[in-house]
Amino acid sequence: MKKFTLTSSMKDVMKDPRAVEIINRSLPMVTSHPRFSEVLDYTMEDVLNDDMGSIIGISKTNVKKIFKTITDLEEN
């Protein structure tokens, strides 16, 4: 069973070390960006729909790829 869906909150996603690794590998230093904390209360779907990646300079295409990898993670 998949652990995450696009309706999963970013706060929950960031609790999974595998997801954090995916984000850090794909976008080095993004989690330390001063505005990254703004996305934690949103779902992955919200981030995509509102194009919040653009706030920190990430294209929507890259965000979609990263979220696809995260939603492919299986439950532990």
PDB file of N, CA and C in Angstrom:
ATOM      1  N   MET A   1       0.840  -1.172   0.000  1.00  0.00           N
ATOM      2  CA  MET A   1       0.000   0.000   0.000  1.00  0.00           C
ATOM      3  C   MET A   1       0.891   1.244   0.000  1.00  0.00           C
ATOM      4  N   LYS A   2       0.452   2.255  -0.737  1.00  0.00           N
ATOM      5  CA  LYS A   2       1.198   3.506  -0.818  1.00  0.00           C
ATOM      6  C   LYS A   2       1.066   4.271   0.493  1.00  0.00           C
ATOM      7  N   LYS A   3       2.149   4.901   0.891  1.00  0.00           N
ATOM      8  CA  LYS A   3       2.140   5.645   2.146  1.00  0.00           C
ATOM      9  C   LYS A   3       1.538   7.037   1.988  1.00  0.00           C
ATOM     10  N   PHE A   4       1.791   7.665   0.840  1.00  0.00           N
ATOM     11  CA  PHE A   4       1.341   9.038   0.636  1.00  0.00           C
ATOM     12  C   PHE A   4       0.485   9.162  -0.617  1.00  0.00           C
ATOM     13  N   THR A   5      -0.403  10.136  -0.574  1.00  0.00           N
ATOM     14  CA  THR A   5      -1.168  10.542  -1.751  1.00  0.00           C
ATOM     15  C   THR A   5      -0.948  12.046  -1.900  1.00  0.00           C
ATOM     16  N   LEU A   6      -1.461  12.608  -2.955  1.00  0.00           N
ATOM     17  CA  LEU A   6      -1.327  14.049  -3.133  1.00  0.00           C
ATOM     18  C   LEU A   6      -2.089  14.842  -2.076  1.00  0.00           C
ATOM     19  N   THR A   7      -2.981  14.180  -1.344  1.00  0.00           N
ATOM     20  CA  THR A   7      -3.693  14.867  -0.262  1.00  0.00           C
ATOM     21  C   THR A   7      -2.955  14.774   1.080  1.00  0.00           C
ATOM     22  N   SER A   8      -1.787  14.159   1.078  1.00  0.00           N
ATOM     23  CA  SER A   8      -0.971  14.095   2.296  1.00  0.00           C
ATOM     24  C   SER A   8      -0.367  15.470   2.578  1.00  0.00           C
ATOM     25  N   SER A   9      -0.318  15.818   3.847  1.00  0.00           N
ATOM     26  CA  SER A   9       0.273  17.113   4.200  1.00  0.00           C
ATOM     27  C   SER A   9       1.792  17.044   4.074  1.00  0.00           C
ATOM     28  N   MET A  10       2.361  18.164   3.744  1.00  0.00           N
ATOM     29  CA  MET A  10       3.821  18.233   3.656  1.00  0.00           C
ATOM     30  C   MET A  10       4.454  17.978   5.026  1.00  0.00           C
ATOM     31  N   LYS A  11       3.757  18.356   6.073  1.00  0.00           N
ATOM     32  CA  LYS A  11       4.262  18.101   7.427  1.00  0.00           C
ATOM     33  C   LYS A  11       4.423  16.591   7.637  1.00  0.00           C
ATOM     34  N   ASP A  12       3.434  15.801   7.201  1.00  0.00           N
ATOM     35  CA  ASP A  12       3.516  14.343   7.324  1.00  0.00           C
ATOM     36  C   ASP A  12       4.600  13.782   6.406  1.00  0.00           C
ATOM     37  N   VAL A  13       4.692  14.305   5.212  1.00  0.00           N
ATOM     38  CA  VAL A  13       5.718  13.851   4.264  1.00  0.00           C
ATOM     39  C   VAL A  13       7.104  14.057   4.866  1.00  0.00           C
ATOM     40  N   MET A  14       7.308  15.189   5.497  1.00  0.00           N
ATOM     41  CA  MET A  14       8.631  15.516   6.036  1.00  0.00           C
ATOM     42  C   MET A  14       8.988  14.690   7.273  1.00  0.00           C
ATOM     43  N   LYS A  15       8.060  13.913   7.785  1.00  0.00           N
ATOM     44  CA  LYS A  15       8.350  13.009   8.905  1.00  0.00           C
ATOM     45  C   LYS A  15       8.954  11.693   8.423  1.00  0.00           C
ATOM     46  N   ASP A  16       8.874  11.432   7.120  1.00  0.00           N
ATOM     47  CA  ASP A  16       9.407  10.190   6.557  1.00  0.00           C
ATOM     48  C   ASP A  16      10.810  10.440   6.017  1.00  0.00           C
ATOM     49  N   PRO A  17      11.827   9.800   6.597  1.00  0.00           N
ATOM     50  CA  PRO A  17      13.205  10.032   6.155  1.00  0.00           C
ATOM     51  C   PRO A  17      13.432   9.740   4.666  1.00  0.00           C
ATOM     52  N   ARG A  18      12.666   8.791   4.119  1.00  0.00           N
ATOM     53  CA  ARG A  18      12.817   8.482   2.689  1.00  0.00           C
ATOM     54  C   ARG A  18      12.350   9.649   1.837  1.00  0.00           C
ATOM     55  N   ALA A  19      11.258  10.258   2.235  1.00  0.00           N
ATOM     56  CA  ALA A  19      10.742  11.408   1.491  1.00  0.00           C
ATOM     57  C   ALA A  19      11.687  12.602   1.614  1.00  0.00           C
ATOM     58  N   VAL A  20      12.201  12.799   2.806  1.00  0.00           N
ATOM     59  CA  VAL A  20      13.167  13.891   3.017  1.00  0.00           C
ATOM     60  C   VAL A  20      14.389  13.671   2.136  1.00  0.00           C
ATOM     61  N   GLU A  21      14.858  12.437   2.055  1.00  0.00           N
ATOM     62  CA  GLU A  21      16.010  12.113   1.200  1.00  0.00           C
ATOM     63  C   GLU A  21      15.703  12.411  -0.265  1.00  0.00           C
ATOM     64  N   ILE A  22      14.508  12.058  -0.714  1.00  0.00           N
ATOM     65  CA  ILE A  22      14.107  12.334  -2.098  1.00  0.00           C
ATOM     66  C   ILE A  22      14.151  13.839  -2.360  1.00  0.00           C
ATOM     67  N   ILE A  23      13.581  14.608  -1.449  1.00  0.00           N
ATOM     68  CA  ILE A  23      13.567  16.060  -1.613  1.00  0.00           C
ATOM     69  C   ILE A  23      14.979  16.621  -1.587  1.00  0.00           C
ATOM     70  N   ASN A  24      15.771  16.197  -0.612  1.00  0.00           N
ATOM     71  CA  ASN A  24      17.146  16.716  -0.496  1.00  0.00           C
ATOM     72  C   ASN A  24      18.026  16.321  -1.677  1.00  0.00           C
ATOM     73  N   ARG A  25      17.833  15.131  -2.196  1.00  0.00           N
ATOM     74  CA  ARG A  25      18.620  14.678  -3.351  1.00  0.00           C
ATOM     75  C   ARG A  25      18.201  15.431  -4.620  1.00  0.00           C
ATOM     76  N   SER A  26      16.917  15.660  -4.752  1.00  0.00           N
ATOM     77  CA  SER A  26      16.398  16.332  -5.943  1.00  0.00           C
ATOM     78  C   SER A  26      16.622  17.840  -5.911  1.00  0.00           C
ATOM     79  N   LEU A  27      16.541  18.403  -4.738  1.00  0.00           N
ATOM     80  CA  LEU A  27      16.645  19.855  -4.571  1.00  0.00           C
ATOM     81  C   LEU A  27      17.539  20.181  -3.375  1.00  0.00           C
ATOM     82  N   PRO A  28      18.848  20.023  -3.550  1.00  0.00           N
ATOM     83  CA  PRO A  28      19.748  20.286  -2.430  1.00  0.00           C
ATOM     84  C   PRO A  28      19.498  21.669  -1.826  1.00  0.00           C
ATOM     85  N   MET A  29      19.474  21.719  -0.548  1.00  0.00           N
ATOM     86  CA  MET A  29      19.348  22.950   0.231  1.00  0.00           C
ATOM     87  C   MET A  29      17.919  23.513   0.294  1.00  0.00           C
ATOM     88  N   VAL A  30      16.958  22.921  -0.410  1.00  0.00           N
ATOM     89  CA  VAL A  30      15.615  23.506  -0.411  1.00  0.00           C
ATOM     90  C   VAL A  30      14.981  23.480   0.972  1.00  0.00           C
ATOM     91  N   THR A  31      15.221  22.422   1.726  1.00  0.00           N
ATOM     92  CA  THR A  31      14.585  22.333   3.041  1.00  0.00           C
ATOM     93  C   THR A  31      15.149  23.355   4.023  1.00  0.00           C
ATOM     94  N   SER A  32      16.293  23.920   3.705  1.00  0.00           N
ATOM     95  CA  SER A  32      16.844  24.954   4.580  1.00  0.00           C
ATOM     96  C   SER A  32      16.509  26.365   4.075  1.00  0.00           C
ATOM     97  N   HIS A  33      15.761  26.445   2.979  1.00  0.00           N
ATOM     98  CA  HIS A  33      15.344  27.749   2.459  1.00  0.00           C
ATOM     99  C   HIS A  33      14.430  28.413   3.488  1.00  0.00           C
ATOM    100  N   PRO A  34      14.593  29.688   3.741  1.00  0.00           N
ATOM    101  CA  PRO A  34      13.786  30.373   4.757  1.00  0.00           C
ATOM    102  C   PRO A  34      12.272  30.270   4.537  1.00  0.00           C
ATOM    103  N   ARG A  35      11.833  30.085   3.316  1.00  0.00           N
ATOM    104  CA  ARG A  35      10.394  30.032   3.050  1.00  0.00           C
ATOM    105  C   ARG A  35       9.849  28.610   2.948  1.00  0.00           C
ATOM    106  N   PHE A  36      10.712  27.612   3.093  1.00  0.00           N
ATOM    107  CA  PHE A  36      10.246  26.229   2.987  1.00  0.00           C
ATOM    108  C   PHE A  36       9.185  25.902   4.033  1.00  0.00           C
ATOM    109  N   SER A  37       9.325  26.441   5.218  1.00  0.00           N
ATOM    110  CA  SER A  37       8.367  26.142   6.296  1.00  0.00           C
ATOM    111  C   SER A  37       6.940  26.554   5.930  1.00  0.00           C
ATOM    112  N   GLU A  38       6.792  27.462   4.977  1.00  0.00           N
ATOM    113  CA  GLU A  38       5.466  27.906   4.567  1.00  0.00           C
ATOM    114  C   GLU A  38       4.643  26.778   3.946  1.00  0.00           C
ATOM    115  N   VAL A  39       5.285  25.795   3.356  1.00  0.00           N
ATOM    116  CA  VAL A  39       4.550  24.724   2.675  1.00  0.00           C
ATOM    117  C   VAL A  39       4.121  23.603   3.617  1.00  0.00           C
ATOM    118  N   LEU A  40       4.611  23.570   4.826  1.00  0.00           N
ATOM    119  CA  LEU A  40       4.350  22.449   5.722  1.00  0.00           C
ATOM    120  C   LEU A  40       2.879  22.268   6.082  1.00  0.00           C
ATOM    121  N   ASP A  41       2.110  23.317   6.078  1.00  0.00           N
ATOM    122  CA  ASP A  41       0.689  23.208   6.416  1.00  0.00           C
ATOM    123  C   ASP A  41      -0.182  22.903   5.210  1.00  0.00           C
ATOM    124  N   TYR A  42       0.433  22.726   4.060  1.00  0.00           N
ATOM    125  CA  TYR A  42      -0.297  22.440   2.833  1.00  0.00           C
ATOM    126  C   TYR A  42      -0.160  20.970   2.449  1.00  0.00           C
ATOM    127  N   THR A  43      -1.070  20.519   1.599  1.00  0.00           N
ATOM    128  CA  THR A  43      -0.930  19.176   1.039  1.00  0.00           C
ATOM    129  C   THR A  43      -0.021  19.272  -0.191  1.00  0.00           C
ATOM    130  N   MET A  44       0.434  18.127  -0.666  1.00  0.00           N
ATOM    131  CA  MET A  44       1.227  18.137  -1.888  1.00  0.00           C
ATOM    132  C   MET A  44       0.394  18.689  -3.043  1.00  0.00           C
ATOM    133  N   GLU A  45      -0.880  18.357  -3.061  1.00  0.00           N
ATOM    134  CA  GLU A  45      -1.780  18.853  -4.107  1.00  0.00           C
ATOM    135  C   GLU A  45      -1.887  20.379  -4.063  1.00  0.00           C
ATOM    136  N   ASP A  46      -1.989  20.936  -2.856  1.00  0.00           N
ATOM    137  CA  ASP A  46      -2.032  22.396  -2.702  1.00  0.00           C
ATOM    138  C   ASP A  46      -0.766  23.045  -3.261  1.00  0.00           C
ATOM    139  N   VAL A  47       0.359  22.432  -2.951  1.00  0.00           N
ATOM    140  CA  VAL A  47       1.638  22.965  -3.429  1.00  0.00           C
ATOM    141  C   VAL A  47       1.648  22.990  -4.955  1.00  0.00           C
ATOM    142  N   LEU A  48       1.175  21.920  -5.564  1.00  0.00           N
ATOM    143  CA  LEU A  48       1.128  21.860  -7.029  1.00  0.00           C
ATOM    144  C   LEU A  48       0.122  22.855  -7.610  1.00  0.00           C
ATOM    145  N   ASN A  49      -1.071  22.873  -7.067  1.00  0.00           N
ATOM    146  CA  ASN A  49      -2.120  23.732  -7.609  1.00  0.00           C
ATOM    147  C   ASN A  49      -1.816  25.211  -7.462  1.00  0.00           C
ATOM    148  N   ASP A  50      -1.185  25.573  -6.375  1.00  0.00           N
ATOM    149  CA  ASP A  50      -0.853  26.974  -6.155  1.00  0.00           C
ATOM    150  C   ASP A  50       0.535  27.326  -6.667  1.00  0.00           C
ATOM    151  N   ASP A  51       1.221  26.308  -7.221  1.00  0.00           N
ATOM    152  CA  ASP A  51       2.575  26.503  -7.755  1.00  0.00           C
ATOM    153  C   ASP A  51       3.500  27.144  -6.722  1.00  0.00           C
ATOM    154  N   MET A  52       3.415  26.638  -5.498  1.00  0.00           N
ATOM    155  CA  MET A  52       4.240  27.182  -4.424  1.00  0.00           C
ATOM    156  C   MET A  52       5.718  26.949  -4.643  1.00  0.00           C
ATOM    157  N   GLY A  53       6.045  25.969  -5.470  1.00  0.00           N
ATOM    158  CA  GLY A  53       7.457  25.756  -5.767  1.00  0.00           C
ATOM    159  C   GLY A  53       8.104  26.989  -6.355  1.00  0.00           C
ATOM    160  N   SER A  54       7.307  27.774  -7.066  1.00  0.00           N
ATOM    161  CA  SER A  54       7.858  28.982  -7.679  1.00  0.00           C
ATOM    162  C   SER A  54       8.308  29.988  -6.631  1.00  0.00           C
ATOM    163  N   ILE A  55       7.747  29.909  -5.421  1.00  0.00           N
ATOM    164  CA  ILE A  55       8.158  30.804  -4.337  1.00  0.00           C
ATOM    165  C   ILE A  55       9.645  30.651  -4.069  1.00  0.00           C
ATOM    166  N   ILE A  56      10.118  29.408  -4.169  1.00  0.00           N
ATOM    167  CA  ILE A  56      11.539  29.173  -3.894  1.00  0.00           C
ATOM    168  C   ILE A  56      12.295  28.786  -5.159  1.00  0.00           C
ATOM    169  N   GLY A  57      11.705  29.092  -6.307  1.00  0.00           N
ATOM    170  CA  GLY A  57      12.407  28.940  -7.572  1.00  0.00           C
ATOM    171  C   GLY A  57      12.453  27.544  -8.156  1.00  0.00           C
ATOM    172  N   ILE A  58      11.420  26.734  -7.925  1.00  0.00           N
ATOM    173  CA  ILE A  58      11.376  25.371  -8.437  1.00  0.00           C
ATOM    174  C   ILE A  58      10.237  25.278  -9.444  1.00  0.00           C
ATOM    175  N   SER A  59      10.520  24.717 -10.604  1.00  0.00           N
ATOM    176  CA  SER A  59       9.479  24.607 -11.622  1.00  0.00           C
ATOM    177  C   SER A  59       8.419  23.589 -11.204  1.00  0.00           C
ATOM    178  N   LYS A  60       7.214  23.793 -11.694  1.00  0.00           N
ATOM    179  CA  LYS A  60       6.105  22.884 -11.402  1.00  0.00           C
ATOM    180  C   LYS A  60       6.423  21.469 -11.902  1.00  0.00           C
ATOM    181  N   THR A  61       7.116  21.368 -13.026  1.00  0.00           N
ATOM    182  CA  THR A  61       7.498  20.067 -13.578  1.00  0.00           C
ATOM    183  C   THR A  61       8.387  19.316 -12.596  1.00  0.00           C
ATOM    184  N   ASN A  62       9.355  19.994 -12.012  1.00  0.00           N
ATOM    185  CA  ASN A  62      10.238  19.348 -11.028  1.00  0.00           C
ATOM    186  C   ASN A  62       9.470  18.924  -9.785  1.00  0.00           C
ATOM    187  N   VAL A  63       8.577  19.783  -9.328  1.00  0.00           N
ATOM    188  CA  VAL A  63       7.781  19.446  -8.145  1.00  0.00           C
ATOM    189  C   VAL A  63       6.929  18.205  -8.422  1.00  0.00           C
ATOM    190  N   LYS A  64       6.321  18.129  -9.602  1.00  0.00           N
ATOM    191  CA  LYS A  64       5.516  16.957  -9.964  1.00  0.00           C
ATOM    192  C   LYS A  64       6.352  15.685  -9.942  1.00  0.00           C
ATOM    193  N   LYS A  65       7.556  15.731 -10.491  1.00  0.00           N
ATOM    194  CA  LYS A  65       8.436  14.553 -10.501  1.00  0.00           C
ATOM    195  C   LYS A  65       8.776  14.109  -9.081  1.00  0.00           C
ATOM    196  N   ILE A  66       9.093  15.060  -8.249  1.00  0.00           N
ATOM    197  CA  ILE A  66       9.457  14.749  -6.857  1.00  0.00           C
ATOM    198  C   ILE A  66       8.260  14.141  -6.124  1.00  0.00           C
ATOM    199  N   PHE A  67       7.090  14.751  -6.280  1.00  0.00           N
ATOM    200  CA  PHE A  67       5.900  14.239  -5.606  1.00  0.00           C
ATOM    201  C   PHE A  67       5.507  12.866  -6.141  1.00  0.00           C
ATOM    202  N   LYS A  68       5.719  12.610  -7.410  1.00  0.00           N
ATOM    203  CA  LYS A  68       5.438  11.285  -7.983  1.00  0.00           C
ATOM    204  C   LYS A  68       6.315  10.243  -7.300  1.00  0.00           C
ATOM    205  N   THR A  69       7.583  10.551  -7.126  1.00  0.00           N
ATOM    206  CA  THR A  69       8.505   9.631  -6.455  1.00  0.00           C
ATOM    207  C   THR A  69       8.060   9.391  -5.011  1.00  0.00           C
ATOM    208  N   ILE A  70       7.621  10.442  -4.340  1.00  0.00           N
ATOM    209  CA  ILE A  70       7.172  10.322  -2.955  1.00  0.00           C
ATOM    210  C   ILE A  70       5.885   9.506  -2.873  1.00  0.00           C
ATOM    211  N   THR A  71       4.942   9.740  -3.768  1.00  0.00           N
ATOM    212  CA  THR A  71       3.680   8.988  -3.719  1.00  0.00           C
ATOM    213  C   THR A  71       3.859   7.536  -4.134  1.00  0.00           C
ATOM    214  N   ASP A  72       4.982   7.214  -4.740  1.00  0.00           N
ATOM    215  CA  ASP A  72       5.278   5.822  -5.081  1.00  0.00           C
ATOM    216  C   ASP A  72       5.851   5.049  -3.886  1.00  0.00           C
ATOM    217  N   LEU A  73       6.200   5.737  -2.801  1.00  0.00           N
ATOM    218  CA  LEU A  73       6.751   5.056  -1.616  1.00  0.00           C
ATOM    219  C   LEU A  73       5.697   4.142  -1.005  1.00  0.00           C
ATOM    220  N   GLU A  74       6.126   2.969  -0.628  1.00  0.00           N
ATOM    221  CA  GLU A  74       5.252   2.009   0.023  1.00  0.00           C
ATOM    222  C   GLU A  74       5.257   2.236   1.529  1.00  0.00           C
ATOM    223  N   GLU A  75       4.145   1.852   2.148  1.00  0.00           N
ATOM    224  CA  GLU A  75       4.037   1.882   3.604  1.00  0.00           C
ATOM    225  C   GLU A  75       5.127   0.983   4.179  1.00  0.00           C
ATOM    226  N   ASN A  76       5.692   1.371   5.291  1.00  0.00           N
ATOM    227  CA  ASN A  76       6.732   0.538   5.931  1.00  0.00           C
ATOM    228  C   ASN A  76       6.161  -0.743   6.460  1.00  0.00           C
TER     229      ASN A  76
END
